[in-house]
């Protein structure tokens, strides 16, 4: 019995969908976690050490996202064109380091103002 062309095509689509669905769920979960942590850090302005810790956790998650994306692209048999969207985690890391630097400056300013009292 020869399989029909529809079954052969459906099998390929299901296999590709399974691969992409699994990887995109992990990427989406990490991206949502980074966005949530970065947004939540804004509201911890009274606890600057916690803000810095949250920023470092976000940076670590972004490195995991970069590694997962690299692994998915290298393991795939398809040829992908790399677009500028691949740079967004790197840009986010730069901005998080800038935020950490500014939070540390704020902490130093508060400590210097406490000396005047």
PDB file of N, CA and C in Angstrom:
ATOM      1  N   UNK A   1       0.840  -1.175   0.000  1.00  0.00           N
ATOM      2  CA  UNK A   1       0.000   0.000   0.000  1.00  0.00           C
ATOM      3  C   UNK A   1       0.888   1.243   0.000  1.00  0.00           C
ATOM      4  N   UNK A   2       0.661   2.106  -0.958  1.00  0.00           N
ATOM      5  CA  UNK A   2       1.451   3.314  -1.120  1.00  0.00           C
ATOM      6  C   UNK A   2       0.770   4.456  -0.362  1.00  0.00           C
ATOM      7  N   UNK A   3       1.530   5.163   0.490  1.00  0.00           N
ATOM      8  CA  UNK A   3       0.907   6.276   1.206  1.00  0.00           C
ATOM      9  C   UNK A   3       0.566   7.404   0.245  1.00  0.00           C
ATOM     10  N   UNK A   4      -0.506   8.073   0.521  1.00  0.00           N
ATOM     11  CA  UNK A   4      -0.923   9.168  -0.350  1.00  0.00           C
ATOM     12  C   UNK A   4      -0.036  10.387  -0.122  1.00  0.00           C
ATOM     13  N   UNK A   5      -0.094  11.295  -1.042  1.00  0.00           N
ATOM     14  CA  UNK A   5       0.719  12.512  -0.946  1.00  0.00           C
ATOM     15  C   UNK A   5       0.267  13.372   0.229  1.00  0.00           C
ATOM     16  N   UNK A   6      -1.033  13.341   0.526  1.00  0.00           N
ATOM     17  CA  UNK A   6      -1.532  14.139   1.652  1.00  0.00           C
ATOM     18  C   UNK A   6      -0.954  13.642   2.971  1.00  0.00           C
ATOM     19  N   UNK A   7      -0.911  12.325   3.163  1.00  0.00           N
ATOM     20  CA  UNK A   7      -0.364  11.783   4.406  1.00  0.00           C
ATOM     21  C   UNK A   7       1.120  12.093   4.540  1.00  0.00           C
ATOM     22  N   UNK A   8       1.834  12.030   3.431  1.00  0.00           N
ATOM     23  CA  UNK A   8       3.261  12.326   3.482  1.00  0.00           C
ATOM     24  C   UNK A   8       3.486  13.793   3.840  1.00  0.00           C
ATOM     25  N   UNK A   9       2.697  14.663   3.263  1.00  0.00           N
ATOM     26  CA  UNK A   9       2.838  16.089   3.569  1.00  0.00           C
ATOM     27  C   UNK A   9       2.434  16.365   5.016  1.00  0.00           C
ATOM     28  N   UNK A  10       1.359  15.755   5.473  1.00  0.00           N
ATOM     29  CA  UNK A  10       0.928  15.971   6.856  1.00  0.00           C
ATOM     30  C   UNK A  10       2.000  15.498   7.837  1.00  0.00           C
ATOM     31  N   UNK A  11       2.648  14.396   7.538  1.00  0.00           N
ATOM     32  CA  UNK A  11       3.698  13.893   8.418  1.00  0.00           C
ATOM     33  C   UNK A  11       4.852  14.872   8.536  1.00  0.00           C
ATOM     34  N   UNK A  12       5.238  15.477   7.426  1.00  0.00           N
ATOM     35  CA  UNK A  12       6.335  16.443   7.449  1.00  0.00           C
ATOM     36  C   UNK A  12       5.920  17.680   8.233  1.00  0.00           C
ATOM     37  N   UNK A  13       4.720  18.153   8.009  1.00  0.00           N
ATOM     38  CA  UNK A  13       4.247  19.352   8.696  1.00  0.00           C
ATOM     39  C   UNK A  13       4.171  19.103  10.195  1.00  0.00           C
ATOM     40  N   UNK A  14       3.687  17.942  10.588  1.00  0.00           N
ATOM     41  CA  UNK A  14       3.574  17.630  12.008  1.00  0.00           C
ATOM     42  C   UNK A  14       4.946  17.571  12.645  1.00  0.00           C
ATOM     43  N   UNK A  15       5.914  16.967  11.988  1.00  0.00           N
ATOM     44  CA  UNK A  15       7.261  16.886  12.547  1.00  0.00           C
ATOM     45  C   UNK A  15       7.880  18.276  12.671  1.00  0.00           C
ATOM     46  N   UNK A  16       7.745  19.116  11.650  1.00  0.00           N
ATOM     47  CA  UNK A  16       8.298  20.467  11.721  1.00  0.00           C
ATOM     48  C   UNK A  16       7.591  21.271  12.793  1.00  0.00           C
ATOM     49  N   UNK A  17       6.278  21.131  12.865  1.00  0.00           N
ATOM     50  CA  UNK A  17       5.516  21.886  13.868  1.00  0.00           C
ATOM     51  C   UNK A  17       5.928  21.463  15.271  1.00  0.00           C
ATOM     52  N   UNK A  18       6.162  20.170  15.462  1.00  0.00           N
ATOM     53  CA  UNK A  18       6.570  19.684  16.778  1.00  0.00           C
ATOM     54  C   UNK A  18       7.905  20.300  17.182  1.00  0.00           C
ATOM     55  N   UNK A  19       8.840  20.353  16.262  1.00  0.00           N
ATOM     56  CA  UNK A  19      10.154  20.932  16.561  1.00  0.00           C
ATOM     57  C   UNK A  19      10.031  22.405  16.907  1.00  0.00           C
ATOM     58  N   UNK A  20       9.337  23.158  16.058  1.00  0.00           N
ATOM     59  CA  UNK A  20       9.230  24.589  16.275  1.00  0.00           C
ATOM     60  C   UNK A  20       8.359  24.927  17.468  1.00  0.00           C
ATOM     61  N   UNK A  21       7.323  24.179  17.711  1.00  0.00           N
ATOM     62  CA  UNK A  21       6.457  24.454  18.852  1.00  0.00           C
ATOM     63  C   UNK A  21       7.221  24.261  20.153  1.00  0.00           C
ATOM     64  N   UNK A  22       7.989  23.225  20.256  1.00  0.00           N
ATOM     65  CA  UNK A  22       8.744  22.961  21.487  1.00  0.00           C
ATOM     66  C   UNK A  22       9.762  24.069  21.741  1.00  0.00           C
ATOM     67  N   UNK A  23      10.529  24.450  20.732  1.00  0.00           N
ATOM     68  CA  UNK A  23      11.548  25.475  20.916  1.00  0.00           C
ATOM     69  C   UNK A  23      10.942  26.850  21.134  1.00  0.00           C
ATOM     70  N   UNK A  24       9.879  27.153  20.444  1.00  0.00           N
ATOM     71  CA  UNK A  24       9.266  28.462  20.613  1.00  0.00           C
ATOM     72  C   UNK A  24       8.600  28.608  21.971  1.00  0.00           C
ATOM     73  N   UNK A  25       8.112  27.547  22.545  1.00  0.00           N
ATOM     74  CA  UNK A  25       7.519  27.634  23.875  1.00  0.00           C
ATOM     75  C   UNK A  25       8.596  27.982  24.887  1.00  0.00           C
ATOM     76  N   UNK A  26       9.750  27.350  24.798  1.00  0.00           N
ATOM     77  CA  UNK A  26      10.848  27.663  25.711  1.00  0.00           C
ATOM     78  C   UNK A  26      11.317  29.100  25.514  1.00  0.00           C
ATOM     79  N   UNK A  27      11.488  29.505  24.281  1.00  0.00           N
ATOM     80  CA  UNK A  27      11.924  30.870  23.996  1.00  0.00           C
ATOM     81  C   UNK A  27      10.898  31.885  24.473  1.00  0.00           C
ATOM     82  N   UNK A  28       9.634  31.600  24.219  1.00  0.00           N
ATOM     83  CA  UNK A  28       8.584  32.517  24.654  1.00  0.00           C
ATOM     84  C   UNK A  28       8.513  32.603  26.173  1.00  0.00           C
ATOM     85  N   UNK A  29       8.659  31.481  26.855  1.00  0.00           N
ATOM     86  CA  UNK A  29       8.615  31.492  28.316  1.00  0.00           C
ATOM     87  C   UNK A  29       9.781  32.296  28.893  1.00  0.00           C
ATOM     88  N   UNK A  30      10.964  32.123  28.324  1.00  0.00           N
ATOM     89  CA  UNK A  30      12.121  32.879  28.795  1.00  0.00           C
ATOM     90  C   UNK A  30      11.945  34.362  28.497  1.00  0.00           C
ATOM     91  N   UNK A  31      11.450  34.690  27.315  1.00  0.00           N
ATOM     92  CA  UNK A  31      11.237  36.089  26.950  1.00  0.00           C
ATOM     93  C   UNK A  31      10.207  36.749  27.854  1.00  0.00           C
ATOM     94  N   UNK A  32       9.131  36.043  28.146  1.00  0.00           N
ATOM     95  CA  UNK A  32       8.097  36.584  29.033  1.00  0.00           C
ATOM     96  C   UNK A  32       8.648  36.760  30.444  1.00  0.00           C
ATOM     97  N   UNK A  33       9.453  35.807  30.903  1.00  0.00           N
ATOM     98  CA  UNK A  33      10.052  35.915  32.241  1.00  0.00           C
ATOM     99  C   UNK A  33      10.986  37.122  32.321  1.00  0.00           C
ATOM    100  N   UNK A  34      11.790  37.339  31.301  1.00  0.00           N
ATOM    101  CA  UNK A  34      12.697  38.492  31.288  1.00  0.00           C
ATOM    102  C   UNK A  34      11.905  39.792  31.273  1.00  0.00           C
ATOM    103  N   UNK A  35      10.870  39.850  30.444  1.00  0.00           N
ATOM    104  CA  UNK A  35      10.048  41.067  30.386  1.00  0.00           C
ATOM    105  C   UNK A  35       9.365  41.326  31.723  1.00  0.00           C
ATOM    106  N   UNK A  36       8.824  40.285  32.332  1.00  0.00           N
ATOM    107  CA  UNK A  36       8.150  40.445  33.622  1.00  0.00           C
ATOM    108  C   UNK A  36       9.128  40.884  34.699  1.00  0.00           C
ATOM    109  N   UNK A  37      10.303  40.261  34.769  1.00  0.00           N
ATOM    110  CA  UNK A  37      11.293  40.624  35.774  1.00  0.00           C
ATOM    111  C   UNK A  37      11.783  42.062  35.578  1.00  0.00           C
ATOM    112  N   UNK A  38      12.023  42.438  34.349  1.00  0.00           N
ATOM    113  CA  UNK A  38      12.488  43.802  34.083  1.00  0.00           C
ATOM    114  C   UNK A  38      11.427  44.827  34.449  1.00  0.00           C
ATOM    115  N   UNK A  39      10.187  44.530  34.154  1.00  0.00           N
ATOM    116  CA  UNK A  39       9.095  45.442  34.497  1.00  0.00           C
ATOM    117  C   UNK A  39       8.885  45.488  36.007  1.00  0.00           C
ATOM    118  N   UNK A  40       8.978  44.338  36.672  1.00  0.00           N
ATOM    119  CA  UNK A  40       8.779  44.287  38.120  1.00  0.00           C
ATOM    120  C   UNK A  40       9.904  45.009  38.857  1.00  0.00           C
ATOM    121  N   UNK A  41      11.100  45.005  38.304  1.00  0.00           N
ATOM    122  CA  UNK A  41      12.234  45.664  38.957  1.00  0.00           C
ATOM    123  C   UNK A  41      12.013  47.165  39.096  1.00  0.00           C
ATOM    124  N   UNK A  42      11.227  47.734  38.217  1.00  0.00           N
ATOM    125  CA  UNK A  42      10.936  49.165  38.286  1.00  0.00           C
ATOM    126  C   UNK A  42      10.271  49.512  39.619  1.00  0.00           C
ATOM    127  N   UNK A  43       9.414  48.645  40.097  1.00  0.00           N
ATOM    128  CA  UNK A  43       8.634  48.931  41.297  1.00  0.00           C
ATOM    129  C   UNK A  43       9.381  48.629  42.593  1.00  0.00           C
ATOM    130  N   UNK A  44      10.602  48.120  42.488  1.00  0.00           N
ATOM    131  CA  UNK A  44      11.425  47.877  43.673  1.00  0.00           C
ATOM    132  C   UNK A  44      12.443  49.003  43.855  1.00  0.00           C
ATOM    133  N   UNK A  45      12.035  50.231  43.570  1.00  0.00           N
ATOM    134  CA  UNK A  45      12.971  51.352  43.622  1.00  0.00           C
ATOM    135  C   UNK A  45      13.463  51.640  45.035  1.00  0.00           C
ATOM    136  N   UNK A  46      12.756  51.186  46.056  1.00  0.00           N
ATOM    137  CA  UNK A  46      13.215  51.398  47.428  1.00  0.00           C
ATOM    138  C   UNK A  46      14.243  50.343  47.847  1.00  0.00           C
ATOM    139  N   UNK A  47      14.333  49.273  47.108  1.00  0.00           N
ATOM    140  CA  UNK A  47      15.279  48.198  47.420  1.00  0.00           C
ATOM    141  C   UNK A  47      16.195  48.015  46.213  1.00  0.00           C
ATOM    142  N   UNK A  48      17.229  48.843  46.163  1.00  0.00           N
ATOM    143  CA  UNK A  48      18.103  48.859  44.986  1.00  0.00           C
ATOM    144  C   UNK A  48      18.932  47.589  44.843  1.00  0.00           C
ATOM    145  N   UNK A  49      19.282  46.955  45.956  1.00  0.00           N
ATOM    146  CA  UNK A  49      20.035  45.696  45.861  1.00  0.00           C
ATOM    147  C   UNK A  49      19.189  44.614  45.191  1.00  0.00           C
ATOM    148  N   UNK A  50      17.904  44.597  45.492  1.00  0.00           N
ATOM    149  CA  UNK A  50      17.007  43.640  44.840  1.00  0.00           C
ATOM    150  C   UNK A  50      16.864  43.967  43.358  1.00  0.00           C
ATOM    151  N   UNK A  51      16.830  45.253  43.024  1.00  0.00           N
ATOM    152  CA  UNK A  51      16.767  45.644  41.618  1.00  0.00           C
ATOM    153  C   UNK A  51      17.982  45.118  40.853  1.00  0.00           C
ATOM    154  N   UNK A  52      19.150  45.257  41.451  1.00  0.00           N
ATOM    155  CA  UNK A  52      20.370  44.782  40.796  1.00  0.00           C
ATOM    156  C   UNK A  52      20.331  43.270  40.646  1.00  0.00           C
ATOM    157  N   UNK A  53      19.879  42.578  41.675  1.00  0.00           N
ATOM    158  CA  UNK A  53      19.793  41.115  41.618  1.00  0.00           C
ATOM    159  C   UNK A  53      18.819  40.670  40.519  1.00  0.00           C
ATOM    160  N   UNK A  54      17.679  41.358  40.413  1.00  0.00           N
ATOM    161  CA  UNK A  54      16.710  41.029  39.367  1.00  0.00           C
ATOM    162  C   UNK A  54      17.304  41.281  37.981  1.00  0.00           C
ATOM    163  N   UNK A  55      18.060  42.356  37.840  1.00  0.00           N
ATOM    164  CA  UNK A  55      18.683  42.652  36.545  1.00  0.00           C
ATOM    165  C   UNK A  55      19.692  41.570  36.168  1.00  0.00           C
ATOM    166  N   UNK A  56      20.474  41.098  37.137  1.00  0.00           N
ATOM    167  CA  UNK A  56      21.433  40.025  36.836  1.00  0.00           C
ATOM    168  C   UNK A  56      20.713  38.714  36.480  1.00  0.00           C
ATOM    169  N   UNK A  57      19.596  38.435  37.133  1.00  0.00           N
ATOM    170  CA  UNK A  57      18.805  37.245  36.786  1.00  0.00           C
ATOM    171  C   UNK A  57      18.279  37.371  35.359  1.00  0.00           C
ATOM    172  N   UNK A  58      17.816  38.571  34.996  1.00  0.00           N
ATOM    173  CA  UNK A  58      17.335  38.798  33.629  1.00  0.00           C
ATOM    174  C   UNK A  58      18.447  38.612  32.609  1.00  0.00           C
ATOM    175  N   UNK A  59      19.641  39.071  32.934  1.00  0.00           N
ATOM    176  CA  UNK A  59      20.781  38.902  32.032  1.00  0.00           C
ATOM    177  C   UNK A  59      21.102  37.417  31.864  1.00  0.00           C
ATOM    178  N   UNK A  60      21.078  36.675  32.963  1.00  0.00           N
ATOM    179  CA  UNK A  60      21.336  35.233  32.877  1.00  0.00           C
ATOM    180  C   UNK A  60      20.288  34.543  32.007  1.00  0.00           C
ATOM    181  N   UNK A  61      19.028  34.921  32.175  1.00  0.00           N
ATOM    182  CA  UNK A  61      17.966  34.333  31.346  1.00  0.00           C
ATOM    183  C   UNK A  61      18.150  34.698  29.873  1.00  0.00           C
ATOM    184  N   UNK A  62      18.618  35.902  29.610  1.00  0.00           N
ATOM    185  CA  UNK A  62      18.863  36.293  28.218  1.00  0.00           C
ATOM    186  C   UNK A  62      19.994  35.482  27.602  1.00  0.00           C
ATOM    187  N   UNK A  63      21.026  35.170  28.392  1.00  0.00           N
ATOM    188  CA  UNK A  63      22.091  34.309  27.867  1.00  0.00           C
ATOM    189  C   UNK A  63      21.562  32.901  27.587  1.00  0.00           C
ATOM    190  N   UNK A  64      20.644  32.417  28.427  1.00  0.00           N
ATOM    191  CA  UNK A  64      20.014  31.114  28.173  1.00  0.00           C
ATOM    192  C   UNK A  64      19.204  31.184  26.882  1.00  0.00           C
ATOM    193  N   UNK A  65      18.486  32.284  26.683  1.00  0.00           N
ATOM    194  CA  UNK A  65      17.707  32.464  25.455  1.00  0.00           C
ATOM    195  C   UNK A  65      18.612  32.494  24.226  1.00  0.00           C
ATOM    196  N   UNK A  66      19.728  33.177  24.324  1.00  0.00           N
ATOM    197  CA  UNK A  66      20.672  33.239  23.202  1.00  0.00           C
ATOM    198  C   UNK A  66      21.226  31.848  22.908  1.00  0.00           C
ATOM    199  N   UNK A  67      21.595  31.120  23.946  1.00  0.00           N
ATOM    200  CA  UNK A  67      22.137  29.769  23.756  1.00  0.00           C
ATOM    201  C   UNK A  67      21.088  28.833  23.163  1.00  0.00           C
ATOM    202  N   UNK A  68      19.856  28.936  23.630  1.00  0.00           N
ATOM    203  CA  UNK A  68      18.786  28.084  23.117  1.00  0.00           C
ATOM    204  C   UNK A  68      18.511  28.407  21.647  1.00  0.00           C
ATOM    205  N   UNK A  69      18.508  29.668  21.305  1.00  0.00           N
ATOM    206  CA  UNK A  69      18.271  30.073  19.921  1.00  0.00           C
ATOM    207  C   UNK A  69      19.410  29.596  19.022  1.00  0.00           C
ATOM    208  N   UNK A  70      20.641  29.750  19.488  1.00  0.00           N
ATOM    209  CA  UNK A  70      21.788  29.278  18.714  1.00  0.00           C
ATOM    210  C   UNK A  70      21.716  27.773  18.501  1.00  0.00           C
ATOM    211  N   UNK A  71      21.389  27.038  19.558  1.00  0.00           N
ATOM    212  CA  UNK A  71      21.274  25.579  19.447  1.00  0.00           C
ATOM    213  C   UNK A  71      20.176  25.195  18.452  1.00  0.00           C
ATOM    214  N   UNK A  72      19.035  25.865  18.533  1.00  0.00           N
ATOM    215  CA  UNK A  72      17.928  25.539  17.626  1.00  0.00           C
ATOM    216  C   UNK A  72      18.295  25.839  16.178  1.00  0.00           C
ATOM    217  N   UNK A  73      19.027  26.925  15.957  1.00  0.00           N
ATOM    218  CA  UNK A  73      19.402  27.266  14.584  1.00  0.00           C
ATOM    219  C   UNK A  73      20.466  26.326  14.038  1.00  0.00           C
ATOM    220  N   UNK A  74      21.394  25.884  14.870  1.00  0.00           N
ATOM    221  CA  UNK A  74      22.451  25.004  14.373  1.00  0.00           C
ATOM    222  C   UNK A  74      21.968  23.569  14.202  1.00  0.00           C
ATOM    223  N   UNK A  75      20.976  23.141  14.955  1.00  0.00           N
ATOM    224  CA  UNK A  75      20.489  21.776  14.859  1.00  0.00           C
ATOM    225  C   UNK A  75      19.436  21.602  13.765  1.00  0.00           C
ATOM    226  N   UNK A  76      18.899  22.696  13.285  1.00  0.00           N
ATOM    227  CA  UNK A  76      17.860  22.621  12.266  1.00  0.00           C
ATOM    228  C   UNK A  76      18.473  22.311  10.908  1.00  0.00           C
ATOM    229  N   UNK A  77      17.767  21.510  10.151  1.00  0.00           N
ATOM    230  CA  UNK A  77      18.234  21.154   8.806  1.00  0.00           C
ATOM    231  C   UNK A  77      17.902  22.250   7.800  1.00  0.00           C
ATOM    232  N   UNK A  78      16.983  23.122   8.162  1.00  0.00           N
ATOM    233  CA  UNK A  78      16.574  24.180   7.250  1.00  0.00           C
ATOM    234  C   UNK A  78      17.568  25.327   7.289  1.00  0.00           C
ATOM    235  N   UNK A  79      17.577  26.076   6.205  1.00  0.00           N
ATOM    236  CA  UNK A  79      18.445  27.240   6.124  1.00  0.00           C
ATOM    237  C   UNK A  79      17.661  28.465   6.565  1.00  0.00           C
ATOM    238  N   UNK A  80      18.142  29.126   7.602  1.00  0.00           N
ATOM    239  CA  UNK A  80      17.469  30.307   8.118  1.00  0.00           C
ATOM    240  C   UNK A  80      18.224  31.551   7.700  1.00  0.00           C
ATOM    241  N   UNK A  81      17.464  32.594   7.461  1.00  0.00           N
ATOM    242  CA  UNK A  81      18.097  33.888   7.253  1.00  0.00           C
ATOM    243  C   UNK A  81      18.058  34.611   8.601  1.00  0.00           C
ATOM    244  N   UNK A  82      19.205  35.046   9.042  1.00  0.00           N
ATOM    245  CA  UNK A  82      19.297  35.709  10.337  1.00  0.00           C
ATOM    246  C   UNK A  82      18.918  37.170  10.146  1.00  0.00           C
ATOM    247  N   UNK A  83      17.913  37.602  10.888  1.00  0.00           N
ATOM    248  CA  UNK A  83      17.435  38.973  10.782  1.00  0.00           C
ATOM    249  C   UNK A  83      17.910  39.774  11.978  1.00  0.00           C
ATOM    250  N   UNK A  84      17.516  41.013  12.012  1.00  0.00           N
ATOM    251  CA  UNK A  84      17.927  41.876  13.114  1.00  0.00           C
ATOM    252  C   UNK A  84      17.226  41.512  14.424  1.00  0.00           C
ATOM    253  N   UNK A  85      16.209  40.669  14.387  1.00  0.00           N
ATOM    254  CA  UNK A  85      15.535  40.256  15.620  1.00  0.00           C
ATOM    255  C   UNK A  85      16.458  39.426  16.520  1.00  0.00           C
ATOM    256  N   UNK A  86      17.449  38.814  15.932  1.00  0.00           N
ATOM    257  CA  UNK A  86      18.387  38.013  16.718  1.00  0.00           C
ATOM    258  C   UNK A  86      19.224  38.917  17.626  1.00  0.00           C
ATOM    259  N   UNK A  87      19.304  40.199  17.323  1.00  0.00           N
ATOM    260  CA  UNK A  87      20.106  41.133  18.119  1.00  0.00           C
ATOM    261  C   UNK A  87      19.359  41.660  19.338  1.00  0.00           C
ATOM    262  N   UNK A  88      18.072  41.453  19.431  1.00  0.00           N
ATOM    263  CA  UNK A  88      17.310  42.030  20.544  1.00  0.00           C
ATOM    264  C   UNK A  88      17.761  41.539  21.915  1.00  0.00           C
ATOM    265  N   UNK A  89      18.107  40.268  22.116  1.00  0.00           N
ATOM    266  CA  UNK A  89      18.615  39.899  23.443  1.00  0.00           C
ATOM    267  C   UNK A  89      19.935  40.595  23.785  1.00  0.00           C
ATOM    268  N   UNK A  90      20.790  40.794  22.797  1.00  0.00           N
ATOM    269  CA  UNK A  90      22.049  41.490  23.043  1.00  0.00           C
ATOM    270  C   UNK A  90      21.803  42.948  23.424  1.00  0.00           C
ATOM    271  N   UNK A  91      20.856  43.583  22.754  1.00  0.00           N
ATOM    272  CA  UNK A  91      20.507  44.966  23.080  1.00  0.00           C
ATOM    273  C   UNK A  91      19.910  45.037  24.482  1.00  0.00           C
ATOM    274  N   UNK A  92      19.079  44.060  24.838  1.00  0.00           N
ATOM    275  CA  UNK A  92      18.495  44.025  26.180  1.00  0.00           C
ATOM    276  C   UNK A  92      19.576  43.867  27.249  1.00  0.00           C
ATOM    277  N   UNK A  93      20.588  43.057  26.963  1.00  0.00           N
ATOM    278  CA  UNK A  93      21.685  42.882  27.924  1.00  0.00           C
ATOM    279  C   UNK A  93      22.430  44.202  28.125  1.00  0.00           C
ATOM    280  N   UNK A  94      22.677  44.923  27.048  1.00  0.00           N
ATOM    281  CA  UNK A  94      23.353  46.219  27.158  1.00  0.00           C
ATOM    282  C   UNK A  94      22.523  47.170  28.027  1.00  0.00           C
ATOM    283  N   UNK A  95      21.219  47.229  27.767  1.00  0.00           N
ATOM    284  CA  UNK A  95      20.365  48.128  28.542  1.00  0.00           C
ATOM    285  C   UNK A  95      20.270  47.700  30.008  1.00  0.00           C
ATOM    286  N   UNK A  96      20.293  46.417  30.266  1.00  0.00           N
ATOM    287  CA  UNK A  96      20.276  45.957  31.656  1.00  0.00           C
ATOM    288  C   UNK A  96      21.572  46.329  32.378  1.00  0.00           C
ATOM    289  N   UNK A  97      22.710  46.223  31.691  1.00  0.00           N
ATOM    290  CA  UNK A  97      23.958  46.664  32.308  1.00  0.00           C
ATOM    291  C   UNK A  97      23.952  48.173  32.566  1.00  0.00           C
ATOM    292  N   UNK A  98      23.371  48.946  31.649  1.00  0.00           N
ATOM    293  CA  UNK A  98      23.236  50.385  31.880  1.00  0.00           C
ATOM    294  C   UNK A  98      22.337  50.668  33.082  1.00  0.00           C
ATOM    295  N   UNK A  99      21.277  49.891  33.225  1.00  0.00           N
ATOM    296  CA  UNK A  99      20.392  50.054  34.373  1.00  0.00           C
ATOM    297  C   UNK A  99      21.115  49.730  35.673  1.00  0.00           C
ATOM    298  N   UNK A 100      21.908  48.664  35.673  1.00  0.00           N
ATOM    299  CA  UNK A 100      22.663  48.297  36.871  1.00  0.00           C
ATOM    300  C   UNK A 100      23.638  49.405  37.240  1.00  0.00           C
ATOM    301  N   UNK A 101      24.290  49.953  36.248  1.00  0.00           N
ATOM    302  CA  UNK A 101      25.231  51.045  36.516  1.00  0.00           C
ATOM    303  C   UNK A 101      24.520  52.256  37.114  1.00  0.00           C
ATOM    304  N   UNK A 102      23.347  52.587  36.592  1.00  0.00           N
ATOM    305  CA  UNK A 102      22.592  53.717  37.119  1.00  0.00           C
ATOM    306  C   UNK A 102      22.052  53.440  38.522  1.00  0.00           C
ATOM    307  N   UNK A 103      21.632  52.229  38.783  1.00  0.00           N
ATOM    308  CA  UNK A 103      21.151  51.870  40.124  1.00  0.00           C
ATOM    309  C   UNK A 103      22.293  51.994  41.127  1.00  0.00           C
ATOM    310  N   UNK A 104      23.475  51.572  40.747  1.00  0.00           N
ATOM    311  CA  UNK A 104      24.635  51.709  41.646  1.00  0.00           C
ATOM    312  C   UNK A 104      24.979  53.179  41.884  1.00  0.00           C
ATOM    313  N   UNK A 105      24.857  54.018  40.857  1.00  0.00           N
ATOM    314  CA  UNK A 105      25.085  55.448  41.041  1.00  0.00           C
ATOM    315  C   UNK A 105      24.058  56.036  42.001  1.00  0.00           C
ATOM    316  N   UNK A 106      22.793  55.622  41.863  1.00  0.00           N
ATOM    317  CA  UNK A 106      21.751  56.084  42.787  1.00  0.00           C
ATOM    318  C   UNK A 106      22.068  55.672  44.217  1.00  0.00           C
ATOM    319  N   UNK A 107      22.526  54.454  44.382  1.00  0.00           N
ATOM    320  CA  UNK A 107      22.877  53.958  45.719  1.00  0.00           C
ATOM    321  C   UNK A 107      24.027  54.771  46.311  1.00  0.00           C
ATOM    322  N   UNK A 108      25.012  55.091  45.498  1.00  0.00           N
ATOM    323  CA  UNK A 108      26.137  55.901  45.968  1.00  0.00           C
ATOM    324  C   UNK A 108      25.676  57.317  46.328  1.00  0.00           C
ATOM    325  N   UNK A 109      24.750  57.861  45.551  1.00  0.00           N
ATOM    326  CA  UNK A 109      24.229  59.194  45.835  1.00  0.00           C
ATOM    327  C   UNK A 109      23.462  59.207  47.155  1.00  0.00           C
ATOM    328  N   UNK A 110      22.648  58.203  47.387  1.00  0.00           N
ATOM    329  CA  UNK A 110      21.891  58.119  48.635  1.00  0.00           C
ATOM    330  C   UNK A 110      22.830  57.985  49.827  1.00  0.00           C
ATOM    331  N   UNK A 111      23.870  57.181  49.694  1.00  0.00           N
ATOM    332  CA  UNK A 111      24.839  57.027  50.786  1.00  0.00           C
ATOM    333  C   UNK A 111      25.582  58.329  51.048  1.00  0.00           C
ATOM    334  N   UNK A 112      25.913  59.065  49.992  1.00  0.00           N
ATOM    335  CA  UNK A 112      26.616  60.334  50.191  1.00  0.00           C
ATOM    336  C   UNK A 112      25.706  61.374  50.842  1.00  0.00           C
ATOM    337  N   UNK A 113      24.428  61.343  50.537  1.00  0.00           N
ATOM    338  CA  UNK A 113      23.477  62.276  51.158  1.00  0.00           C
ATOM    339  C   UNK A 113      23.251  61.912  52.623  1.00  0.00           C
ATOM    340  N   UNK A 114      23.355  60.639  52.976  1.00  0.00           N
ATOM    341  CA  UNK A 114      23.201  60.228  54.371  1.00  0.00           C
ATOM    342  C   UNK A 114      24.363  60.729  55.217  1.00  0.00           C
ATOM    343  N   UNK A 115      25.511  60.958  54.646  1.00  0.00           N
ATOM    344  CA  UNK A 115      26.659  61.456  55.381  1.00  0.00           C
ATOM    345  C   UNK A 115      26.462  62.903  55.822  1.00  0.00           C
ATOM    346  N   UNK A 116      25.665  63.646  55.071  1.00  0.00           N
ATOM    347  CA  UNK A 116      25.452  65.049  55.404  1.00  0.00           C
ATOM    348  C   UNK A 116      24.532  65.246  56.604  1.00  0.00           C
ATOM    349  N   UNK A 117      23.786  64.245  56.975  1.00  0.00           N
ATOM    350  CA  UNK A 117      22.845  64.391  58.096  1.00  0.00           C
ATOM    351  C   UNK A 117      23.540  64.400  59.413  1.00  0.00           C
TER     352      UNK A 117
END
